[in-house]
Amino acid sequence: MIGGRPVSGLGPQVAVHRPSDLLPYASIEDGGAEAVGRSVEAAKAGLSASRWSKVPPRERARVLYKW
């Protein structure tokens, strides 16, 4: 998901392994630099469109610490 939308075809499949026995149980796409760039831009747009961006940093920290 990037910007609230499902995405696919960004990169090769990478196996995800269980830490307990190292057996593969899923696969995900390795999106690489393009996916990172798209994600960062979506995050910036989401932040600027929200009320959260207007909350002072100390207040944000307090809220996140409680969470």
N, C-alpha and C. Protein backbone atom coordinates (compact mmCIF):
# COMPACT_ATOMS: atom_id res chain seq x y z
N MET A 1 0.85 -1.17 0.00
CA MET A 1 0.00 0.00 0.00
C MET A 1 0.89 1.24 0.00
N ILE A 2 0.59 2.13 -0.90
CA ILE A 2 1.25 3.43 -0.91
C ILE A 2 0.15 4.46 -1.10
N GLY A 3 0.08 5.40 -0.18
CA GLY A 3 -0.95 6.43 -0.28
C GLY A 3 -2.35 5.86 -0.16
N GLY A 4 -2.50 4.77 0.57
CA GLY A 4 -3.81 4.16 0.75
C GLY A 4 -4.27 3.30 -0.41
N ARG A 5 -3.39 3.06 -1.36
CA ARG A 5 -3.76 2.26 -2.53
C ARG A 5 -2.83 1.05 -2.65
N PRO A 6 -3.41 -0.10 -3.01
CA PRO A 6 -2.54 -1.27 -3.20
C PRO A 6 -1.65 -1.08 -4.42
N VAL A 7 -0.42 -1.52 -4.32
CA VAL A 7 0.51 -1.45 -5.44
C VAL A 7 1.16 -2.82 -5.64
N SER A 8 1.54 -3.09 -6.85
CA SER A 8 2.25 -4.33 -7.14
C SER A 8 3.15 -4.10 -8.35
N GLY A 9 4.03 -5.04 -8.58
CA GLY A 9 4.93 -4.94 -9.71
C GLY A 9 6.10 -4.00 -9.49
N LEU A 10 6.41 -3.70 -8.24
CA LEU A 10 7.49 -2.75 -7.96
C LEU A 10 8.86 -3.39 -7.91
N GLY A 11 8.91 -4.69 -7.72
CA GLY A 11 10.21 -5.33 -7.62
C GLY A 11 10.08 -6.84 -7.48
N PRO A 12 11.21 -7.50 -7.29
CA PRO A 12 11.20 -8.96 -7.18
C PRO A 12 10.58 -9.43 -5.86
N GLN A 13 10.10 -10.65 -5.86
CA GLN A 13 9.54 -11.26 -4.66
C GLN A 13 10.67 -11.66 -3.70
N VAL A 14 10.44 -11.43 -2.42
CA VAL A 14 11.40 -11.77 -1.38
C VAL A 14 10.68 -12.65 -0.37
N ALA A 15 11.30 -13.74 0.02
CA ALA A 15 10.70 -14.65 0.99
C ALA A 15 10.77 -14.04 2.39
N VAL A 16 9.69 -14.25 3.16
CA VAL A 16 9.64 -13.83 4.57
C VAL A 16 9.70 -15.10 5.39
N HIS A 17 10.64 -15.15 6.35
CA HIS A 17 10.85 -16.35 7.15
C HIS A 17 10.41 -16.14 8.59
N ARG A 18 9.86 -17.20 9.19
CA ARG A 18 9.53 -17.17 10.61
C ARG A 18 10.81 -17.14 11.41
N PRO A 19 10.90 -16.26 12.40
CA PRO A 19 12.12 -16.21 13.21
C PRO A 19 12.35 -17.47 14.03
N SER A 20 11.29 -18.17 14.39
CA SER A 20 11.43 -19.33 15.28
C SER A 20 12.12 -20.51 14.62
N ASP A 21 11.85 -20.73 13.33
CA ASP A 21 12.44 -21.90 12.67
C ASP A 21 13.01 -21.59 11.28
N LEU A 22 12.95 -20.33 10.90
CA LEU A 22 13.50 -19.84 9.63
C LEU A 22 12.84 -20.45 8.39
N LEU A 23 11.65 -21.02 8.56
CA LEU A 23 10.91 -21.54 7.41
C LEU A 23 10.18 -20.38 6.73
N PRO A 24 10.16 -20.38 5.38
CA PRO A 24 9.43 -19.31 4.69
C PRO A 24 7.92 -19.50 4.89
N TYR A 25 7.22 -18.39 5.11
CA TYR A 25 5.77 -18.48 5.27
C TYR A 25 5.02 -17.47 4.41
N ALA A 26 5.72 -16.56 3.76
CA ALA A 26 5.08 -15.58 2.90
C ALA A 26 6.12 -15.00 1.95
N SER A 27 5.64 -14.23 0.99
CA SER A 27 6.57 -13.49 0.13
C SER A 27 6.00 -12.09 -0.06
N ILE A 28 6.91 -11.15 -0.20
CA ILE A 28 6.55 -9.75 -0.41
C ILE A 28 7.39 -9.22 -1.56
N GLU A 29 6.98 -8.08 -2.09
CA GLU A 29 7.77 -7.45 -3.14
C GLU A 29 8.80 -6.51 -2.53
N ASP A 30 10.00 -6.57 -3.06
CA ASP A 30 11.05 -5.63 -2.69
C ASP A 30 10.93 -4.44 -3.64
N GLY A 31 10.31 -3.38 -3.16
CA GLY A 31 9.99 -2.25 -4.02
C GLY A 31 11.18 -1.40 -4.43
N GLY A 32 12.23 -1.38 -3.65
CA GLY A 32 13.41 -0.62 -4.01
C GLY A 32 13.22 0.88 -3.86
N ALA A 33 14.12 1.62 -4.48
CA ALA A 33 14.18 3.08 -4.33
C ALA A 33 12.92 3.76 -4.86
N GLU A 34 12.35 3.26 -5.95
CA GLU A 34 11.14 3.89 -6.50
C GLU A 34 9.99 3.83 -5.49
N ALA A 35 9.81 2.68 -4.87
CA ALA A 35 8.73 2.53 -3.89
C ALA A 35 8.97 3.42 -2.68
N VAL A 36 10.22 3.53 -2.26
CA VAL A 36 10.55 4.40 -1.13
C VAL A 36 10.20 5.84 -1.47
N GLY A 37 10.59 6.29 -2.64
CA GLY A 37 10.29 7.65 -3.06
C GLY A 37 8.80 7.93 -3.12
N ARG A 38 8.05 6.99 -3.68
CA ARG A 38 6.59 7.15 -3.75
C ARG A 38 5.97 7.16 -2.36
N SER A 39 6.50 6.32 -1.47
CA SER A 39 5.98 6.26 -0.10
C SER A 39 6.25 7.56 0.65
N VAL A 40 7.45 8.10 0.48
CA VAL A 40 7.81 9.35 1.15
C VAL A 40 6.91 10.48 0.67
N GLU A 41 6.69 10.57 -0.62
CA GLU A 41 5.83 11.61 -1.17
C GLU A 41 4.40 11.46 -0.67
N ALA A 42 3.90 10.24 -0.60
CA ALA A 42 2.54 10.00 -0.09
C ALA A 42 2.45 10.38 1.38
N ALA A 43 3.49 10.07 2.15
CA ALA A 43 3.50 10.43 3.57
C ALA A 43 3.52 11.94 3.75
N LYS A 44 4.32 12.63 2.97
CA LYS A 44 4.37 14.10 3.05
C LYS A 44 3.01 14.70 2.72
N ALA A 45 2.38 14.20 1.66
CA ALA A 45 1.06 14.71 1.26
C ALA A 45 0.03 14.43 2.35
N GLY A 46 0.08 13.24 2.93
CA GLY A 46 -0.87 12.90 3.99
C GLY A 46 -0.68 13.77 5.22
N LEU A 47 0.56 14.03 5.58
CA LEU A 47 0.84 14.85 6.75
C LEU A 47 0.37 16.28 6.54
N SER A 48 0.66 16.85 5.39
CA SER A 48 0.28 18.24 5.15
C SER A 48 -1.24 18.39 5.02
N ALA A 49 -1.94 17.32 4.68
CA ALA A 49 -3.40 17.38 4.55
C ALA A 49 -4.12 17.10 5.86
N SER A 50 -3.37 16.81 6.92
CA SER A 50 -4.01 16.43 8.18
C SER A 50 -3.84 17.52 9.24
N ARG A 51 -4.63 17.39 10.30
CA ARG A 51 -4.49 18.30 11.44
C ARG A 51 -3.22 17.97 12.22
N TRP A 52 -2.73 16.75 12.11
CA TRP A 52 -1.55 16.31 12.85
C TRP A 52 -0.34 17.19 12.56
N SER A 53 -0.25 17.70 11.34
CA SER A 53 0.92 18.52 10.97
C SER A 53 0.94 19.84 11.74
N LYS A 54 -0.20 20.24 12.29
CA LYS A 54 -0.26 21.50 13.03
C LYS A 54 -0.07 21.33 14.53
N VAL A 55 0.03 20.08 14.98
CA VAL A 55 0.26 19.80 16.40
C VAL A 55 1.75 20.02 16.68
N PRO A 56 2.06 20.78 17.74
CA PRO A 56 3.47 21.02 18.07
C PRO A 56 4.22 19.70 18.33
N PRO A 57 5.51 19.64 17.99
CA PRO A 57 6.28 18.41 18.14
C PRO A 57 6.23 17.80 19.54
N ARG A 58 6.28 18.62 20.58
CA ARG A 58 6.22 18.06 21.94
C ARG A 58 4.90 17.36 22.20
N GLU A 59 3.82 17.94 21.70
CA GLU A 59 2.50 17.32 21.88
C GLU A 59 2.42 16.02 21.09
N ARG A 60 2.95 16.01 19.87
CA ARG A 60 2.99 14.77 19.08
C ARG A 60 3.73 13.69 19.84
N ALA A 61 4.89 14.06 20.40
CA ALA A 61 5.70 13.09 21.15
C ALA A 61 4.91 12.54 22.34
N ARG A 62 4.19 13.42 23.04
CA ARG A 62 3.41 12.99 24.19
C ARG A 62 2.34 11.99 23.77
N VAL A 63 1.66 12.28 22.69
CA VAL A 63 0.60 11.39 22.19
C VAL A 63 1.21 10.04 21.78
N LEU A 64 2.29 10.07 21.05
CA LEU A 64 2.90 8.83 20.58
C LEU A 64 3.47 8.01 21.73
N TYR A 65 4.01 8.69 22.73
CA TYR A 65 4.57 7.99 23.89
C TYR A 65 3.47 7.22 24.63
N LYS A 66 2.29 7.85 24.75
CA LYS A 66 1.16 7.20 25.42
C LYS A 66 0.68 5.99 24.61
N TRP A 67 0.75 6.08 23.31
CA TRP A 67 0.26 5.04 22.42
C TRP A 67 1.11 3.83 22.56
